[in-house]
PDB file of N, CA and C in Angstrom:
ATOM      1  N   UNK A   1       0.879  -1.345  -0.012  1.00  0.00           N
ATOM      2  CA  UNK A   1       0.041   0.077  -0.228  1.00  0.00           C
ATOM      3  C   UNK A   1       0.863   0.891  -0.034  1.00  0.00           C
ATOM      4  N   UNK A   2       0.494   1.921  -1.021  1.00  0.00           N
ATOM      5  CA  UNK A   2       1.543   3.144  -0.523  1.00  0.00           C
ATOM      6  C   UNK A   2       0.970   3.964   0.182  1.00  0.00           C
ATOM      7  N   UNK A   3       1.743   5.261   0.643  1.00  0.00           N
ATOM      8  CA  UNK A   3       1.471   5.983   1.901  1.00  0.00           C
ATOM      9  C   UNK A   3       1.775   6.988   1.480  1.00  0.00           C
ATOM     10  N   UNK A   4       1.325   8.024   1.740  1.00  0.00           N
ATOM     11  CA  UNK A   4       1.423   9.817   1.799  1.00  0.00           C
ATOM     12  C   UNK A   4       2.827   9.827   3.019  1.00  0.00           C
ATOM     13  N   UNK A   5       4.263  10.002   2.836  1.00  0.00           N
ATOM     14  CA  UNK A   5       4.860   9.928   3.681  1.00  0.00           C
ATOM     15  C   UNK A   5       5.603  11.253   3.876  1.00  0.00           C
ATOM     16  N   UNK A   6       5.535  11.584   4.872  1.00  0.00           N
ATOM     17  CA  UNK A   6       6.487  13.111   5.018  1.00  0.00           C
ATOM     18  C   UNK A   6       7.443  12.785   6.319  1.00  0.00           C
ATOM     19  N   UNK A   7       8.544  13.653   5.843  1.00  0.00           N
ATOM     20  CA  UNK A   7       9.682  13.218   6.937  1.00  0.00           C
ATOM     21  C   UNK A   7      10.583  14.379   7.408  1.00  0.00           C
ATOM     22  N   UNK A   8      10.704  14.579   8.611  1.00  0.00           N
ATOM     23  CA  UNK A   8      11.467  16.159   9.101  1.00  0.00           C
ATOM     24  C   UNK A   8      12.876  15.385   9.821  1.00  0.00           C
ATOM     25  N   UNK A   9      13.171  14.751   9.161  1.00  0.00           N
ATOM     26  CA  UNK A   9      14.708  14.100   9.797  1.00  0.00           C
ATOM     27  C   UNK A   9      15.442  14.493   8.340  1.00  0.00           C
ATOM     28  N   UNK A  10      15.898  15.975   8.907  1.00  0.00           N
ATOM     29  CA  UNK A  10      16.645  16.665   7.606  1.00  0.00           C
ATOM     30  C   UNK A  10      17.902  16.052   7.492  1.00  0.00           C
ATOM     31  N   UNK A  11      18.803  15.228   8.326  1.00  0.00           N
ATOM     32  CA  UNK A  11      20.127  14.350   8.248  1.00  0.00           C
ATOM     33  C   UNK A  11      19.782  13.117   7.297  1.00  0.00           C
ATOM     34  N   UNK A  12      18.609  12.346   7.129  1.00  0.00           N
ATOM     35  CA  UNK A  12      18.557  11.141   6.690  1.00  0.00           C
ATOM     36  C   UNK A  12      18.889  11.350   5.415  1.00  0.00           C
ATOM     37  N   UNK A  13      19.850  10.510   4.587  1.00  0.00           N
ATOM     38  CA  UNK A  13      20.101  10.236   3.327  1.00  0.00           C
ATOM     39  C   UNK A  13      18.871  10.142   2.644  1.00  0.00           C
ATOM     40  N   UNK A  14      17.820   9.734   2.730  1.00  0.00           N
ATOM     41  CA  UNK A  14      16.678   9.617   2.202  1.00  0.00           C
ATOM     42  C   UNK A  14      15.982  10.445   1.867  1.00  0.00           C
ATOM     43  N   UNK A  15      16.030  11.473   2.813  1.00  0.00           N
ATOM     44  CA  UNK A  15      15.220  12.606   3.106  1.00  0.00           C
ATOM     45  C   UNK A  15      15.353  13.946   1.661  1.00  0.00           C
ATOM     46  N   UNK A  16      14.382  13.948   1.024  1.00  0.00           N
ATOM     47  CA  UNK A  16      14.624  14.835  -0.038  1.00  0.00           C
ATOM     48  C   UNK A  16      13.295  16.231   0.329  1.00  0.00           C
ATOM     49  N   UNK A  17      14.015  17.008   1.084  1.00  0.00           N
ATOM     50  CA  UNK A  17      12.617  18.217   1.309  1.00  0.00           C
ATOM     51  C   UNK A  17      11.657  17.803   1.671  1.00  0.00           C
ATOM     52  N   UNK A  18      11.531  16.636   2.947  1.00  0.00           N
ATOM     53  CA  UNK A  18      10.520  16.136   3.376  1.00  0.00           C
ATOM     54  C   UNK A  18       9.977  14.822   2.953  1.00  0.00           C
ATOM     55  N   UNK A  19      10.141  14.460   1.552  1.00  0.00           N
ATOM     56  CA  UNK A  19       9.995  13.545   0.392  1.00  0.00           C
ATOM     57  C   UNK A  19      11.058  12.110   1.284  1.00  0.00           C
ATOM     58  N   UNK A  20      10.601  10.661   1.060  1.00  0.00           N
ATOM     59  CA  UNK A  20      11.508   9.877   1.109  1.00  0.00           C
ATOM     60  C   UNK A  20      11.793   9.025  -0.045  1.00  0.00           C
ATOM     61  N   UNK A  21      12.733   9.070   0.045  1.00  0.00           N
ATOM     62  CA  UNK A  21      13.219   8.190  -1.564  1.00  0.00           C
ATOM     63  C   UNK A  21      13.739   6.708  -0.849  1.00  0.00           C
ATOM     64  N   UNK A  22      13.306   6.172  -0.023  1.00  0.00           N
ATOM     65  CA  UNK A  22      13.696   5.006   0.834  1.00  0.00           C
ATOM     66  C   UNK A  22      12.355   4.179  -0.032  1.00  0.00           C
ATOM     67  N   UNK A  23      12.922   2.990  -0.669  1.00  0.00           N
ATOM     68  CA  UNK A  23      11.985   2.064  -1.442  1.00  0.00           C
ATOM     69  C   UNK A  23      10.895   1.861  -0.249  1.00  0.00           C
ATOM     70  N   UNK A  24      11.156   1.715   0.973  1.00  0.00           N
ATOM     71  CA  UNK A  24      10.330   1.068   1.861  1.00  0.00           C
ATOM     72  C   UNK A  24      11.242   1.405   3.070  1.00  0.00           C
ATOM     73  N   UNK A  25      10.238   1.850   4.410  1.00  0.00           N
ATOM     74  CA  UNK A  25      11.049   1.928   5.731  1.00  0.00           C
ATOM     75  C   UNK A  25      10.677   0.825   6.262  1.00  0.00           C
ATOM     76  N   UNK A  26      11.099   1.297   7.301  1.00  0.00           N
ATOM     77  CA  UNK A  26      11.006   0.453   8.756  1.00  0.00           C
ATOM     78  C   UNK A  26      10.985   0.947   9.815  1.00  0.00           C
ATOM     79  N   UNK A  27       9.364   0.978  10.408  1.00  0.00           N
ATOM     80  CA  UNK A  27       9.233   1.670  11.793  1.00  0.00           C
ATOM     81  C   UNK A  27       9.183   0.711  12.574  1.00  0.00           C
ATOM     82  N   UNK A  28      10.015   0.845  13.866  1.00  0.00           N
ATOM     83  CA  UNK A  28      10.072  -0.153  15.138  1.00  0.00           C
ATOM     84  C   UNK A  28       9.340   0.663  16.238  1.00  0.00           C
ATOM     85  N   UNK A  29       8.626  -0.038  17.079  1.00  0.00           N
ATOM     86  CA  UNK A  29       8.054  -0.151  18.104  1.00  0.00           C
ATOM     87  C   UNK A  29       7.829  -0.948  19.033  1.00  0.00           C
ATOM     88  N   UNK A  30       7.864  -2.073  18.383  1.00  0.00           N
ATOM     89  CA  UNK A  30       6.934  -3.624  19.066  1.00  0.00           C
ATOM     90  C   UNK A  30       6.152  -3.226  20.111  1.00  0.00           C
ATOM     91  N   UNK A  31       6.058  -3.182  21.427  1.00  0.00           N
ATOM     92  CA  UNK A  31       4.462  -3.184  21.959  1.00  0.00           C
ATOM     93  C   UNK A  31       4.674  -1.877  23.191  1.00  0.00           C
ATOM     94  N   UNK A  32       5.396  -0.749  22.030  1.00  0.00           N
ATOM     95  CA  UNK A  32       5.223   0.795  22.865  1.00  0.00           C
ATOM     96  C   UNK A  32       3.706   0.683  23.052  1.00  0.00           C
ATOM     97  N   UNK A  33       3.253   1.802  23.694  1.00  0.00           N
ATOM     98  CA  UNK A  33       1.877   2.324  24.318  1.00  0.00           C
ATOM     99  C   UNK A  33       2.045   3.796  23.165  1.00  0.00           C
ATOM    100  N   UNK A  34       2.935   4.199  23.074  1.00  0.00           N
ATOM    101  CA  UNK A  34       3.152   5.538  22.753  1.00  0.00           C
ATOM    102  C   UNK A  34       3.997   5.679  21.484  1.00  0.00           C
ATOM    103  N   UNK A  35       3.646   6.795  20.242  1.00  0.00           N
ATOM    104  CA  UNK A  35       4.706   6.962  19.501  1.00  0.00           C
ATOM    105  C   UNK A  35       5.896   7.530  19.798  1.00  0.00           C
ATOM    106  N   UNK A  36       6.216   8.200  20.889  1.00  0.00           N
ATOM    107  CA  UNK A  36       7.541   8.701  21.046  1.00  0.00           C
ATOM    108  C   UNK A  36       8.721   7.487  21.445  1.00  0.00           C
ATOM    109  N   UNK A  37       8.177   6.345  21.439  1.00  0.00           N
ATOM    110  CA  UNK A  37       8.946   5.106  21.506  1.00  0.00           C
ATOM    111  C   UNK A  37       9.184   4.487  20.238  1.00  0.00           C
ATOM    112  N   UNK A  38       8.589   4.944  18.854  1.00  0.00           N
ATOM    113  CA  UNK A  38       8.710   4.214  17.935  1.00  0.00           C
ATOM    114  C   UNK A  38       9.872   5.272  17.048  1.00  0.00           C
ATOM    115  N   UNK A  39      10.352   4.354  16.138  1.00  0.00           N
ATOM    116  CA  UNK A  39      11.431   4.671  15.477  1.00  0.00           C
ATOM    117  C   UNK A  39      11.645   4.280  14.147  1.00  0.00           C
ATOM    118  N   UNK A  40      12.178   5.042  13.120  1.00  0.00           N
ATOM    119  CA  UNK A  40      12.239   5.033  11.845  1.00  0.00           C
ATOM    120  C   UNK A  40      13.874   4.145  11.935  1.00  0.00           C
ATOM    121  N   UNK A  41      14.000   3.169  11.612  1.00  0.00           N
ATOM    122  CA  UNK A  41      14.817   1.839  11.652  1.00  0.00           C
ATOM    123  C   UNK A  41      15.682   2.086  10.403  1.00  0.00           C
ATOM    124  N   UNK A  42      14.794   2.670   9.089  1.00  0.00           N
ATOM    125  CA  UNK A  42      15.365   2.921   7.953  1.00  0.00           C
ATOM    126  C   UNK A  42      16.254   4.096   7.722  1.00  0.00           C
ATOM    127  N   UNK A  43      16.592   4.870   8.724  1.00  0.00           N
ATOM    128  CA  UNK A  43      16.959   6.002   8.822  1.00  0.00           C
ATOM    129  C   UNK A  43      18.519   6.154   8.438  1.00  0.00           C
ATOM    130  N   UNK A  44      19.289   6.633   7.610  1.00  0.00           N
ATOM    131  CA  UNK A  44      20.784   6.661   7.573  1.00  0.00           C
ATOM    132  C   UNK A  44      21.506   7.965   7.820  1.00  0.00           C
ATOM    133  N   UNK A  45      22.129   8.315   8.418  1.00  0.00           N
ATOM    134  CA  UNK A  45      23.132   9.553   7.907  1.00  0.00           C
ATOM    135  C   UNK A  45      23.751  10.183   6.329  1.00  0.00           C
ATOM    136  N   UNK A  46      23.349  11.189   6.211  1.00  0.00           N
ATOM    137  CA  UNK A  46      23.624  11.608   5.283  1.00  0.00           C
ATOM    138  C   UNK A  46      25.495  11.412   5.005  1.00  0.00           C
ATOM    139  N   UNK A  47      26.020  10.546   4.243  1.00  0.00           N
ATOM    140  CA  UNK A  47      27.282  10.465   3.875  1.00  0.00           C
ATOM    141  C   UNK A  47      27.346   9.126   4.488  1.00  0.00           C
ATOM    142  N   UNK A  48      26.702   7.950   4.856  1.00  0.00           N
ATOM    143  CA  UNK A  48      27.300   6.670   5.171  1.00  0.00           C
ATOM    144  C   UNK A  48      27.265   5.920   3.948  1.00  0.00           C
ATOM    145  N   UNK A  49      27.728   6.457   3.205  1.00  0.00           N
ATOM    146  CA  UNK A  49      27.952   5.534   1.667  1.00  0.00           C
ATOM    147  C   UNK A  49      26.771   4.871   1.287  1.00  0.00           C
ATOM    148  N   UNK A  50      25.298   5.471   1.447  1.00  0.00           N
ATOM    149  CA  UNK A  50      24.218   5.144   1.223  1.00  0.00           C
ATOM    150  C   UNK A  50      24.020   5.966  -0.242  1.00  0.00           C
ATOM    151  N   UNK A  51      23.286   5.428  -1.316  1.00  0.00           N
ATOM    152  CA  UNK A  51      23.011   6.205  -2.590  1.00  0.00           C
ATOM    153  C   UNK A  51      22.113   7.380  -2.213  1.00  0.00           C
ATOM    154  N   UNK A  52      22.467   8.713  -2.611  1.00  0.00           N
ATOM    155  CA  UNK A  52      21.595   9.710  -2.067  1.00  0.00           C
ATOM    156  C   UNK A  52      21.219  10.778  -3.386  1.00  0.00           C
ATOM    157  N   UNK A  53      19.972  10.561  -3.748  1.00  0.00           N
ATOM    158  CA  UNK A  53      19.183  11.783  -4.773  1.00  0.00           C
ATOM    159  C   UNK A  53      19.285  12.964  -4.337  1.00  0.00           C
ATOM    160  N   UNK A  54      19.696  13.710  -3.473  1.00  0.00           N
ATOM    161  CA  UNK A  54      19.567  14.802  -2.802  1.00  0.00           C
ATOM    162  C   UNK A  54      20.459  15.561  -4.367  1.00  0.00           C
ATOM    163  N   UNK A  55      21.698  15.115  -4.545  1.00  0.00           N
ATOM    164  CA  UNK A  55      22.024  16.061  -5.677  1.00  0.00           C
ATOM    165  C   UNK A  55      22.111  15.619  -6.999  1.00  0.00           C
ATOM    166  N   UNK A  56      20.924  15.194  -7.370  1.00  0.00           N
ATOM    167  CA  UNK A  56      20.588  14.720  -8.948  1.00  0.00           C
ATOM    168  C   UNK A  56      19.689  15.654  -9.682  1.00  0.00           C
ATOM    169  N   UNK A  57      19.007  16.959  -8.614  1.00  0.00           N
ATOM    170  CA  UNK A  57      18.084  18.078  -9.420  1.00  0.00           C
ATOM    171  C   UNK A  57      17.779  18.619  -8.272  1.00  0.00           C
ATOM    172  N   UNK A  58      18.404  19.856  -8.778  1.00  0.00           N
ATOM    173  CA  UNK A  58      18.320  21.290  -8.224  1.00  0.00           C
ATOM    174  C   UNK A  58      17.300  22.004  -8.269  1.00  0.00           C
ATOM    175  N   UNK A  59      16.323  21.768  -9.331  1.00  0.00           N
ATOM    176  CA  UNK A  59      15.453  22.423  -9.469  1.00  0.00           C
ATOM    177  C   UNK A  59      14.034  22.511  -8.903  1.00  0.00           C
ATOM    178  N   UNK A  60      13.790  21.430  -7.871  1.00  0.00           N
ATOM    179  CA  UNK A  60      12.873  21.549  -7.196  1.00  0.00           C
ATOM    180  C   UNK A  60      11.953  20.658  -7.531  1.00  0.00           C
ATOM    181  N   UNK A  61      11.936  20.037  -8.443  1.00  0.00           N
ATOM    182  CA  UNK A  61      10.921  18.967  -9.043  1.00  0.00           C
ATOM    183  C   UNK A  61      11.442  17.606  -8.918  1.00  0.00           C
ATOM    184  N   UNK A  62      10.822  16.984  -8.239  1.00  0.00           N
ATOM    185  CA  UNK A  62      11.427  15.438  -7.661  1.00  0.00           C
ATOM    186  C   UNK A  62      10.745  14.674  -7.849  1.00  0.00           C
ATOM    187  N   UNK A  63       8.850  15.158  -8.054  1.00  0.00           N
ATOM    188  CA  UNK A  63       8.193  13.982  -8.076  1.00  0.00           C
ATOM    189  C   UNK A  63       8.073  13.082  -8.826  1.00  0.00           C
ATOM    190  N   UNK A  64       8.683  13.692 -10.234  1.00  0.00           N
ATOM    191  CA  UNK A  64       9.074  12.326 -11.192  1.00  0.00           C
ATOM    192  C   UNK A  64      10.080  10.866 -10.716  1.00  0.00           C
ATOM    193  N   UNK A  65      10.183  11.306  -9.766  1.00  0.00           N
ATOM    194  CA  UNK A  65      11.154   9.946  -9.332  1.00  0.00           C
ATOM    195  C   UNK A  65      11.061   9.181  -7.978  1.00  0.00           C
ATOM    196  N   UNK A  66       9.943  10.139  -6.993  1.00  0.00           N
ATOM    197  CA  UNK A  66       9.743   9.447  -5.542  1.00  0.00           C
ATOM    198  C   UNK A  66       8.301   9.086  -5.868  1.00  0.00           C
ATOM    199  N   UNK A  67       7.987   8.016  -5.008  1.00  0.00           N
ATOM    200  CA  UNK A  67       6.578   7.325  -4.781  1.00  0.00           C
ATOM    201  C   UNK A  67       6.882   6.950  -3.529  1.00  0.00           C
ATOM    202  N   UNK A  68       5.675   6.786  -2.908  1.00  0.00           N
ATOM    203  CA  UNK A  68       5.884   6.759  -1.381  1.00  0.00           C
ATOM    204  C   UNK A  68       6.516   5.161  -1.464  1.00  0.00           C
ATOM    205  N   UNK A  69       7.187   4.959  -0.013  1.00  0.00           N
ATOM    206  CA  UNK A  69       7.591   3.957   0.177  1.00  0.00           C
ATOM    207  C   UNK A  69       6.426   3.166   1.030  1.00  0.00           C
ATOM    208  N   UNK A  70       6.796   1.870   0.811  1.00  0.00           N
ATOM    209  CA  UNK A  70       5.850   0.669   1.565  1.00  0.00           C
ATOM    210  C   UNK A  70       6.382   0.831   3.304  1.00  0.00           C
ATOM    211  N   UNK A  71       5.376   0.790   4.389  1.00  0.00           N
ATOM    212  CA  UNK A  71       6.135   1.154   5.674  1.00  0.00           C
ATOM    213  C   UNK A  71       5.847  -0.278   6.640  1.00  0.00           C
ATOM    214  N   UNK A  72       6.815  -0.943   6.644  1.00  0.00           N
ATOM    215  CA  UNK A  72       6.843  -2.150   7.525  1.00  0.00           C
ATOM    216  C   UNK A  72       6.472  -1.302   9.217  1.00  0.00           C
ATOM    217  N   UNK A  73       6.014  -2.127   9.614  1.00  0.00           N
ATOM    218  CA  UNK A  73       5.497  -1.395  11.344  1.00  0.00           C
ATOM    219  C   UNK A  73       5.423  -2.758  12.317  1.00  0.00           C
ATOM    220  N   UNK A  74       6.309  -2.804  13.079  1.00  0.00           N
ATOM    221  CA  UNK A  74       6.362  -3.465  14.111  1.00  0.00           C
ATOM    222  C   UNK A  74       5.667  -3.007  15.435  1.00  0.00           C
ATOM    223  N   UNK A  75       4.990  -1.751  15.617  1.00  0.00           N
ATOM    224  CA  UNK A  75       4.603  -1.234  16.440  1.00  0.00           C
ATOM    225  C   UNK A  75       3.005  -1.691  16.498  1.00  0.00           C
ATOM    226  N   UNK A  76       2.905  -3.051  17.087  1.00  0.00           N
ATOM    227  CA  UNK A  76       1.879  -3.904  16.865  1.00  0.00           C
ATOM    228  C   UNK A  76       0.582  -3.373  17.843  1.00  0.00           C
ATOM    229  N   UNK A  77       0.824  -2.374  18.389  1.00  0.00           N
ATOM    230  CA  UNK A  77      -0.246  -1.588  19.634  1.00  0.00           C
ATOM    231  C   UNK A  77      -0.724  -0.292  18.553  1.00  0.00           C
ATOM    232  N   UNK A  78      -0.590  -0.072  17.101  1.00  0.00           N
ATOM    233  CA  UNK A  78      -0.723   1.021  16.657  1.00  0.00           C
ATOM    234  C   UNK A  78      -2.000   0.763  16.195  1.00  0.00           C
ATOM    235  N   UNK A  79      -3.043   1.666  15.918  1.00  0.00           N
ATOM    236  CA  UNK A  79      -4.350   1.128  15.331  1.00  0.00           C
ATOM    237  C   UNK A  79      -4.212   1.074  13.938  1.00  0.00           C
ATOM    238  N   UNK A  80      -3.181   1.592  12.984  1.00  0.00           N
ATOM    239  CA  UNK A  80      -2.832   1.637  11.701  1.00  0.00           C
ATOM    240  C   UNK A  80      -2.318   0.532  11.458  1.00  0.00           C
ATOM    241  N   UNK A  81      -1.418  -0.526  12.376  1.00  0.00           N
ATOM    242  CA  UNK A  81      -0.855  -1.604  12.295  1.00  0.00           C
ATOM    243  C   UNK A  81      -1.616  -2.908  11.745  1.00  0.00           C
ATOM    244  N   UNK A  82      -1.681  -3.365  10.340  1.00  0.00           N
ATOM    245  CA  UNK A  82      -1.889  -4.627  10.159  1.00  0.00           C
ATOM    246  C   UNK A  82      -0.994  -5.421  10.014  1.00  0.00           C
ATOM    247  N   UNK A  83      -0.741  -6.667  10.263  1.00  0.00           N
ATOM    248  CA  UNK A  83       0.081  -8.026   9.916  1.00  0.00           C
ATOM    249  C   UNK A  83       1.411  -7.300   9.700  1.00  0.00           C
ATOM    250  N   UNK A  84       2.046  -6.161  10.786  1.00  0.00           N
ATOM    251  CA  UNK A  84       3.177  -5.138  10.655  1.00  0.00           C
ATOM    252  C   UNK A  84       3.414  -4.622   9.646  1.00  0.00           C
ATOM    253  N   UNK A  85       2.365  -4.170   8.766  1.00  0.00           N
ATOM    254  CA  UNK A  85       2.302  -3.231   7.644  1.00  0.00           C
ATOM    255  C   UNK A  85       1.580  -1.818   8.144  1.00  0.00           C
ATOM    256  N   UNK A  86       2.165  -1.005   7.864  1.00  0.00           N
ATOM    257  CA  UNK A  86       0.915   0.487   7.991  1.00  0.00           C
ATOM    258  C   UNK A  86       0.013   0.849   6.940  1.00  0.00           C
ATOM    259  N   UNK A  87      -1.116   0.901   7.555  1.00  0.00           N
ATOM    260  CA  UNK A  87      -2.087   1.343   6.920  1.00  0.00           C
ATOM    261  C   UNK A  87      -2.678   2.464   7.014  1.00  0.00           C
ATOM    262  N   UNK A  88      -1.702   3.747   7.810  1.00  0.00           N
ATOM    263  CA  UNK A  88      -2.261   4.902   7.830  1.00  0.00           C
ATOM    264  C   UNK A  88      -2.683   5.739   6.515  1.00  0.00           C
ATOM    265  N   UNK A  89      -3.172   6.673   6.190  1.00  0.00           N
ATOM    266  CA  UNK A  89      -2.788   7.373   4.457  1.00  0.00           C
ATOM    267  C   UNK A  89      -1.926   7.997   4.549  1.00  0.00           C
ATOM    268  N   UNK A  90      -1.731   8.510   6.053  1.00  0.00           N
ATOM    269  CA  UNK A  90      -0.430   9.945   6.022  1.00  0.00           C
ATOM    270  C   UNK A  90       0.615   8.860   7.115  1.00  0.00           C
ATOM    271  N   UNK A  91       1.713   9.364   6.818  1.00  0.00           N
ATOM    272  CA  UNK A  91       2.684   9.039   8.059  1.00  0.00           C
ATOM    273  C   UNK A  91       3.990  10.213   7.825  1.00  0.00           C
ATOM    274  N   UNK A  92       3.691  10.353   9.626  1.00  0.00           N
ATOM    275  CA  UNK A  92       4.990  11.660   9.518  1.00  0.00           C
ATOM    276  C   UNK A  92       5.966  10.976  10.650  1.00  0.00           C
ATOM    277  N   UNK A  93       7.326  10.912   9.774  1.00  0.00           N
ATOM    278  CA  UNK A  93       8.607  11.012  10.662  1.00  0.00           C
ATOM    279  C   UNK A  93       9.073  12.378  11.276  1.00  0.00           C
ATOM    280  N   UNK A  94       9.199  12.334  12.681  1.00  0.00           N
ATOM    281  CA  UNK A  94      10.152  13.488  12.797  1.00  0.00           C
ATOM    282  C   UNK A  94      10.948  13.632  13.537  1.00  0.00           C
ATOM    283  N   UNK A  95      11.690  14.297  13.886  1.00  0.00           N
ATOM    284  CA  UNK A  95      13.065  14.708  14.575  1.00  0.00           C
ATOM    285  C   UNK A  95      14.129  15.382  13.620  1.00  0.00           C
ATOM    286  N   UNK A  96      13.841  16.737  13.659  1.00  0.00           N
ATOM    287  CA  UNK A  96      15.007  17.393  12.013  1.00  0.00           C
ATOM    288  C   UNK A  96      16.573  16.884  12.539  1.00  0.00           C
ATOM    289  N   UNK A  97      16.413  16.947  14.288  1.00  0.00           N
ATOM    290  CA  UNK A  97      18.176  17.053  14.455  1.00  0.00           C
ATOM    291  C   UNK A  97      18.498  15.764  14.525  1.00  0.00           C
ATOM    292  N   UNK A  98      17.653  14.769  14.225  1.00  0.00           N
ATOM    293  CA  UNK A  98      18.073  12.753  14.319  1.00  0.00           C
ATOM    294  C   UNK A  98      19.592  12.889  14.110  1.00  0.00           C
ATOM    295  N   UNK A  99      20.360  12.269  14.328  1.00  0.00           N
ATOM    296  CA  UNK A  99      21.841  11.767  13.595  1.00  0.00           C
ATOM    297  C   UNK A  99      21.793  10.172  13.957  1.00  0.00           C
ATOM    298  N   UNK A 100      20.529   9.439  14.474  1.00  0.00           N
ATOM    299  CA  UNK A 100      20.556   8.040  14.859  1.00  0.00           C
ATOM    300  C   UNK A 100      19.256   7.952  14.343  1.00  0.00           C
ATOM    301  N   UNK A 101      18.901   6.162  14.038  1.00  0.00           N
ATOM    302  CA  UNK A 101      17.615   6.286  13.985  1.00  0.00           C
ATOM    303  C   UNK A 101      16.495   5.953  15.546  1.00  0.00           C
ATOM    304  N   UNK A 102      16.933   5.744  16.487  1.00  0.00           N
ATOM    305  CA  UNK A 102      16.418   5.758  17.727  1.00  0.00           C
ATOM    306  C   UNK A 102      16.141   7.298  17.982  1.00  0.00           C
ATOM    307  N   UNK A 103      16.737   8.199  17.333  1.00  0.00           N
ATOM    308  CA  UNK A 103      16.145   9.882  17.489  1.00  0.00           C
ATOM    309  C   UNK A 103      15.202  10.269  16.832  1.00  0.00           C
ATOM    310  N   UNK A 104      14.277   9.314  16.097  1.00  0.00           N
ATOM    311  CA  UNK A 104      13.594   9.570  14.917  1.00  0.00           C
ATOM    312  C   UNK A 104      12.236   9.212  15.509  1.00  0.00           C
ATOM    313  N   UNK A 105      11.223   9.408  15.195  1.00  0.00           N
ATOM    314  CA  UNK A 105       9.836   8.828  16.100  1.00  0.00           C
ATOM    315  C   UNK A 105       8.606   9.314  14.661  1.00  0.00           C
ATOM    316  N   UNK A 106       7.726   7.938  15.109  1.00  0.00           N
ATOM    317  CA  UNK A 106       6.887   8.267  13.979  1.00  0.00           C
ATOM    318  C   UNK A 106       5.245   8.620  14.595  1.00  0.00           C
ATOM    319  N   UNK A 107       4.935  10.201  14.301  1.00  0.00           N
ATOM    320  CA  UNK A 107       4.287  10.743  14.869  1.00  0.00           C
ATOM    321  C   UNK A 107       2.812  10.515  14.285  1.00  0.00           C
ATOM    322  N   UNK A 108       2.771   9.283  13.417  1.00  0.00           N
ATOM    323  CA  UNK A 108       1.343   9.256  13.189  1.00  0.00           C
ATOM    324  C   UNK A 108       0.720   7.791  14.356  1.00  0.00           C
ATOM    325  N   UNK A 109       1.818   7.529  15.153  1.00  0.00           N
ATOM    326  CA  UNK A 109       0.918   6.195  16.302  1.00  0.00           C
ATOM    327  C   UNK A 109      -0.036   6.943  16.510  1.00  0.00           C
ATOM    328  N   UNK A 110      -1.234   5.835  17.109  1.00  0.00           N
ATOM    329  CA  UNK A 110      -2.162   6.205  17.539  1.00  0.00           C
ATOM    330  C   UNK A 110      -2.609   4.958  18.321  1.00  0.00           C
ATOM    331  N   UNK A 111      -2.773   4.782  19.662  1.00  0.00           N
ATOM    332  CA  UNK A 111      -2.819   3.297  20.184  1.00  0.00           C
ATOM    333  C   UNK A 111      -4.056   2.857  19.558  1.00  0.00           C
ATOM    334  N   UNK A 112      -3.933   1.306  19.559  1.00  0.00           N
ATOM    335  CA  UNK A 112      -5.072   0.927  19.374  1.00  0.00           C
ATOM    336  C   UNK A 112      -6.581   1.112  20.515  1.00  0.00           C
ATOM    337  N   UNK A 113      -7.579   0.584  19.682  1.00  0.00           N
ATOM    338  CA  UNK A 113      -8.908   1.427  20.888  1.00  0.00           C
ATOM    339  C   UNK A 113      -8.974  -0.088  21.927  1.00  0.00           C
ATOM    340  N   UNK A 114      -8.918   0.703  23.020  1.00  0.00           N
ATOM    341  CA  UNK A 114      -9.312  -0.498  24.280  1.00  0.00           C
ATOM    342  C   UNK A 114      -7.970  -0.538  24.805  1.00  0.00           C
ATOM    343  N   UNK A 115      -6.736  -0.260  24.191  1.00  0.00           N
ATOM    344  CA  UNK A 115      -5.572  -0.374  25.104  1.00  0.00           C
ATOM    345  C   UNK A 115      -5.257   0.128  26.221  1.00  0.00           C
ATOM    346  N   UNK A 116      -6.051   1.279  26.777  1.00  0.00           N
ATOM    347  CA  UNK A 116      -5.950   1.846  28.018  1.00  0.00           C
ATOM    348  C   UNK A 116      -7.031   1.757  28.787  1.00  0.00           C
ATOM    349  N   UNK A 117      -7.842   0.497  28.309  1.00  0.00           N
ATOM    350  CA  UNK A 117      -9.176   0.579  29.115  1.00  0.00           C
ATOM    351  C   UNK A 117      -8.418  -0.059  30.664  1.00  0.00           C
ATOM    352  N   UNK A 118      -9.206   0.372  31.867  1.00  0.00           N
ATOM    353  CA  UNK A 118      -9.152  -0.197  33.040  1.00  0.00           C
ATOM    354  C   UNK A 118      -9.515  -1.340  33.773  1.00  0.00           C
ATOM    355  N   UNK A 119     -10.513  -2.039  32.327  1.00  0.00           N
ATOM    356  CA  UNK A 119     -11.738  -3.039  32.558  1.00  0.00           C
ATOM    357  C   UNK A 119     -10.408  -4.082  32.925  1.00  0.00           C
ATOM    358  N   UNK A 120     -10.133  -5.008  34.079  1.00  0.00           N
ATOM    359  CA  UNK A 120      -9.391  -6.078  33.858  1.00  0.00           C
ATOM    360  C   UNK A 120     -10.049  -7.404  34.340  1.00  0.00           C
TER     361      UNK A 120
END
C-alpha cells in the first residue's frame, strides 16, 4: 500500500525536502503504547555511503522519481498496524536534528482502541 509519507529527519540520506526516497521504511516500536517510543530504523545519516538522490536535481521538481514507500511497522499496538504493515493514509516521521534512527519518531502512531482500558 502506498502511503503519503513526510519526513522531517533532515540528516537522513533518504530525505529530499521532506519526501522519503527509500523504497520502503521500517518503523520499530514493538509493544510500545505511545509514538515517542517508535523510530524509523531505515534512517541513515547522509554520508554513510548510501546512495542519495539529493544531488540529482536542483530545480525542486522531484516528484517524477519519488514514490511513496511501503511502511513496515513492528508497533503492534498502533491502530494503523495490520500484520506489521502500516495502513495509515498519511505517515509523518519527525526529529529534525536526528543523527541516529532511535532519535526519530513516528508521529502518526495512535494506540489501538481499548489499549488503555481499566477493565481487568
